[in-house]
């Protein structure tokens, strides 16, 4: 397939998975998020990590808040992604903006929305606009979201390319783990030459590892 055909195929997969995720009930989402946290908490990479980077979930994504609270309980630092606005006084296109990791201070709240430092950022993504940046070299594990992922370790994001660029930082030596509902794991997804495979996928039902 050429680049245009790959882009159309990816868009089709995104739409299909969005429809599937929209059908998940609140109880199914809660149960899956609890099961995911239990699997992650038993991974050696998570247990040994001093700094964990985890995203603050959108309503359609599996909830990372249980594993974030576990990490704080274990005395670990937690970082979250933040999309930087660009140079002051200049409207930087979204596709050219940089994603950085920022420190999220521990807070005893039931959900990310209740954290005093958290606000809705670009694209409706929750972040911490005033939090200090964590250098990539200090991160031990990155939990990355996806729209879909396949059984060869190919990840399909939402199209912004933020994680592709962040995970490609040569200073980032962290373990890379994609987390998702098992409904987001497909047999195969369309890929382009620049797409990066991931070494591990953890869902509420299974753990998949690859040479990536």
Protein backbone atom coordinates (compact mmCIF):
# COMPACT_ATOMS: atom_id res chain seq x y z
CA UNK A 1 0.00 0.00 0.00
CA UNK A 2 1.11 3.56 -0.61
CA UNK A 3 1.08 6.22 2.12
CA UNK A 4 -2.45 7.42 1.31
CA UNK A 5 -3.82 3.88 1.37
CA UNK A 6 -2.10 3.18 4.70
CA UNK A 7 -3.54 6.40 6.17
CA UNK A 8 -7.06 5.44 5.04
CA UNK A 9 -6.66 1.93 6.43
CA UNK A 10 -5.49 3.30 9.78
CA UNK A 11 -8.45 5.69 9.91
CA UNK A 12 -10.78 2.77 9.30
CA UNK A 13 -9.27 0.79 12.16
CA UNK A 14 -9.54 3.81 14.47
CA UNK A 15 -13.25 4.18 13.65
CA UNK A 16 -13.90 0.47 14.13
CA UNK A 17 -12.18 0.35 17.51
CA UNK A 18 -13.91 3.56 18.63
CA UNK A 19 -17.27 1.90 17.96
CA UNK A 20 -16.25 -1.14 19.99
CA UNK A 21 -15.01 0.92 22.93
CA UNK A 22 -18.19 3.00 22.95
CA UNK A 23 -20.16 -0.17 23.71
CA UNK A 24 -18.21 -1.05 26.87
CA UNK A 25 -20.27 -0.65 30.02
CA UNK A 26 -19.01 1.30 33.07
CA UNK A 27 -18.80 -1.93 35.10
CA UNK A 28 -16.76 -3.60 32.35
CA UNK A 29 -14.39 -0.60 32.28
CA UNK A 30 -13.93 -0.68 36.07
CA UNK A 31 -13.30 -4.42 36.16
CA UNK A 32 -10.84 -4.24 33.28
CA UNK A 33 -8.94 -1.34 34.85
CA UNK A 34 -8.61 -3.22 38.15
CA UNK A 35 -7.40 -6.35 36.38
CA UNK A 36 -4.87 -4.33 34.37
CA UNK A 37 -3.47 -2.70 37.52
CA UNK A 38 -3.03 -6.09 39.16
CA UNK A 39 -1.11 -7.43 36.17
CA UNK A 40 1.11 -4.36 35.98
CA UNK A 41 1.85 -4.35 39.71
CA UNK A 42 3.24 -7.89 39.40
CA UNK A 43 5.65 -7.07 36.57
CA UNK A 44 9.32 -6.94 37.62
CA UNK A 45 9.83 -3.79 35.54
CA UNK A 46 7.13 -1.97 37.52
CA UNK A 47 8.27 -3.31 40.88
CA UNK A 48 11.86 -2.23 40.26
CA UNK A 49 10.99 1.15 38.74
CA UNK A 50 11.67 4.34 40.67
CA UNK A 51 9.91 6.59 38.16
CA UNK A 52 6.82 5.47 36.26
CA UNK A 53 5.31 7.48 33.41
CA UNK A 54 1.59 6.88 32.92
CA UNK A 55 -1.04 8.78 30.96
CA UNK A 56 -4.22 10.14 32.53
CA UNK A 57 -6.94 8.23 30.74
CA UNK A 58 -9.57 9.64 28.44
CA UNK A 59 -13.12 8.34 29.05
CA UNK A 60 -12.74 5.74 26.28
CA UNK A 61 -9.37 4.44 27.56
CA UNK A 62 -8.63 1.85 30.19
CA UNK A 63 -8.19 3.67 33.51
CA UNK A 64 -4.59 4.07 34.68
CA UNK A 65 -5.52 5.71 37.98
CA UNK A 66 -5.42 2.42 39.97
CA UNK A 67 -1.82 1.73 38.92
CA UNK A 68 -0.83 5.35 39.56
CA UNK A 69 -2.17 5.12 43.11
CA UNK A 70 -0.36 1.80 43.57
CA UNK A 71 2.90 3.41 42.42
CA UNK A 72 2.54 6.24 44.93
CA UNK A 73 1.81 3.69 47.65
CA UNK A 74 5.07 1.96 46.76
CA UNK A 75 7.01 5.23 47.09
CA UNK A 76 7.58 5.65 43.36
CA UNK A 77 7.59 8.91 41.40
CA UNK A 78 4.85 9.23 38.81
CA UNK A 79 5.20 11.30 35.65
CA UNK A 80 2.46 12.08 33.15
CA UNK A 81 2.62 13.44 29.58
CA UNK A 82 2.09 17.09 28.77
CA UNK A 83 1.83 18.61 25.29
CA UNK A 84 3.82 21.84 25.31
CA UNK A 85 2.21 24.95 23.75
CA UNK A 86 5.25 26.04 21.74
CA UNK A 87 7.00 29.40 21.67
CA UNK A 88 5.23 32.30 23.44
CA UNK A 89 3.15 34.43 21.10
CA UNK A 90 3.36 31.84 18.34
CA UNK A 91 0.57 29.45 17.41
CA UNK A 92 2.44 26.16 16.96
CA UNK A 93 0.49 23.56 14.94
CA UNK A 94 -0.53 20.58 17.07
CA UNK A 95 1.46 18.16 14.92
CA UNK A 96 4.66 20.11 15.62
CA UNK A 97 4.28 20.40 19.37
CA UNK A 98 6.47 18.47 21.79
CA UNK A 99 5.27 16.04 24.42
CA UNK A 100 7.23 16.00 27.68
CA UNK A 101 6.95 14.08 30.95
CA UNK A 102 6.05 16.09 34.06
CA UNK A 103 5.98 15.09 37.70
CA UNK A 104 2.58 14.42 39.28
CA UNK A 105 2.65 14.85 43.06
CA UNK A 106 0.86 12.21 45.15
CA UNK A 107 -2.74 13.01 46.03
CA UNK A 108 -5.35 10.97 47.86
CA UNK A 109 -8.17 11.42 45.36
CA UNK A 110 -10.46 8.85 43.75
CA UNK A 111 -9.87 9.93 40.15
CA UNK A 112 -7.43 11.96 38.09
CA UNK A 113 -9.98 14.74 37.64
CA UNK A 114 -9.90 15.37 41.38
CA UNK A 115 -6.15 15.98 41.55
CA UNK A 116 -5.51 19.64 42.44
CA UNK A 117 -2.73 20.01 39.84
CA UNK A 118 -4.62 18.42 36.94
CA UNK A 119 -6.38 20.41 34.23
CA UNK A 120 -7.78 19.63 30.79
CA UNK A 121 -5.08 20.41 28.22
CA UNK A 122 -4.96 20.31 24.40
CA UNK A 123 -7.34 17.81 22.76
CA UNK A 124 -9.14 17.38 26.10
CA UNK A 125 -6.23 15.39 27.53
CA UNK A 126 -5.70 15.79 31.26
CA UNK A 127 -2.29 17.09 32.26
CA UNK A 128 -0.55 19.18 34.91
CA UNK A 129 0.28 22.56 33.33
CA UNK A 130 2.50 23.84 36.15
CA UNK A 131 4.33 20.63 37.04
CA UNK A 132 8.12 20.34 36.63
CA UNK A 133 9.51 18.41 33.67
CA UNK A 134 11.05 14.98 34.28
CA UNK A 135 14.03 14.26 31.97
CA UNK A 136 13.51 11.16 29.79
CA UNK A 137 16.69 9.58 31.20
CA UNK A 138 15.09 9.47 34.67
CA UNK A 139 12.05 7.45 33.56
CA UNK A 140 12.20 3.69 34.17
CA UNK A 141 8.86 2.59 32.68
CA UNK A 142 6.49 4.25 30.19
CA UNK A 143 2.87 3.12 30.03
CA UNK A 144 1.59 4.21 26.62
CA UNK A 145 -1.99 4.32 25.34
CA UNK A 146 -3.15 3.17 21.94
CA UNK A 147 -6.20 3.16 19.75
CA UNK A 148 -5.32 -0.36 18.67
CA UNK A 149 -2.37 -2.73 18.81
CA UNK A 150 -1.73 -6.03 17.10
CA UNK A 151 -0.26 -9.38 18.04
CA UNK A 152 3.05 -8.50 16.41
CA UNK A 153 3.59 -5.48 18.65
CA UNK A 154 2.49 -2.80 16.18
CA UNK A 155 0.83 0.16 17.91
CA UNK A 156 -1.76 2.47 16.36
CA UNK A 157 -2.24 5.77 18.16
CA UNK A 158 -4.85 8.44 17.61
CA UNK A 159 -2.89 10.11 14.82
CA UNK A 160 -0.99 12.92 16.54
CA UNK A 161 2.36 11.14 16.61
CA UNK A 162 3.20 12.42 20.10
CA UNK A 163 4.11 9.02 21.54
CA UNK A 164 5.97 7.96 18.40
CA UNK A 165 8.21 10.99 18.79
CA UNK A 166 8.54 10.69 22.56
CA UNK A 167 9.36 6.98 22.50
CA UNK A 168 11.96 7.67 19.83
CA UNK A 169 13.96 10.00 22.10
CA UNK A 170 17.48 8.52 22.33
CA UNK A 171 17.69 9.63 25.98
CA UNK A 172 14.68 7.48 26.89
CA UNK A 173 15.86 4.06 28.00
CA UNK A 174 12.70 3.10 29.84
CA UNK A 175 10.75 -0.11 29.46
CA UNK A 176 7.92 0.60 27.03
CA UNK A 177 4.54 -0.99 27.75
CA UNK A 178 1.31 -0.40 25.83
CA UNK A 179 -1.79 -0.80 28.01
CA UNK A 180 -5.28 -1.39 26.63
CA UNK A 181 -8.57 -3.24 26.87
CA UNK A 182 -8.30 -6.67 25.29
CA UNK A 183 -10.84 -5.47 22.70
CA UNK A 184 -8.13 -3.16 21.32
CA UNK A 185 -5.81 -6.05 20.45
CA UNK A 186 -6.22 -7.05 16.80
CA UNK A 187 -4.58 -9.76 14.75
CA UNK A 188 -3.03 -7.18 12.42
CA UNK A 189 -3.09 -3.42 11.91
CA UNK A 190 -1.78 -1.35 8.97
CA UNK A 191 1.71 0.04 9.48
CA UNK A 192 4.05 2.49 7.78
CA UNK A 193 7.83 2.36 7.61
CA UNK A 194 8.19 4.93 10.41
CA UNK A 195 5.89 3.15 12.87
CA UNK A 196 7.60 1.70 15.94
CA UNK A 197 6.87 -1.71 17.39
CA UNK A 198 6.53 -2.03 21.15
CA UNK A 199 8.17 -4.73 23.28
CA UNK A 200 5.22 -5.40 25.60
CA UNK A 201 1.42 -5.15 25.66
CA UNK A 202 -0.59 -5.57 28.85
CA UNK A 203 -4.37 -5.79 28.78
CA UNK A 204 -6.93 -6.82 31.35
CA UNK A 205 -6.68 -10.43 30.13
CA UNK A 206 -3.12 -11.06 28.88
CA UNK A 207 0.50 -10.00 28.63
CA UNK A 208 2.23 -10.12 25.25
CA UNK A 209 5.98 -9.63 24.76
CA UNK A 210 7.99 -9.15 21.57
CA UNK A 211 11.50 -8.56 20.31
CA UNK A 212 11.08 -4.89 19.40
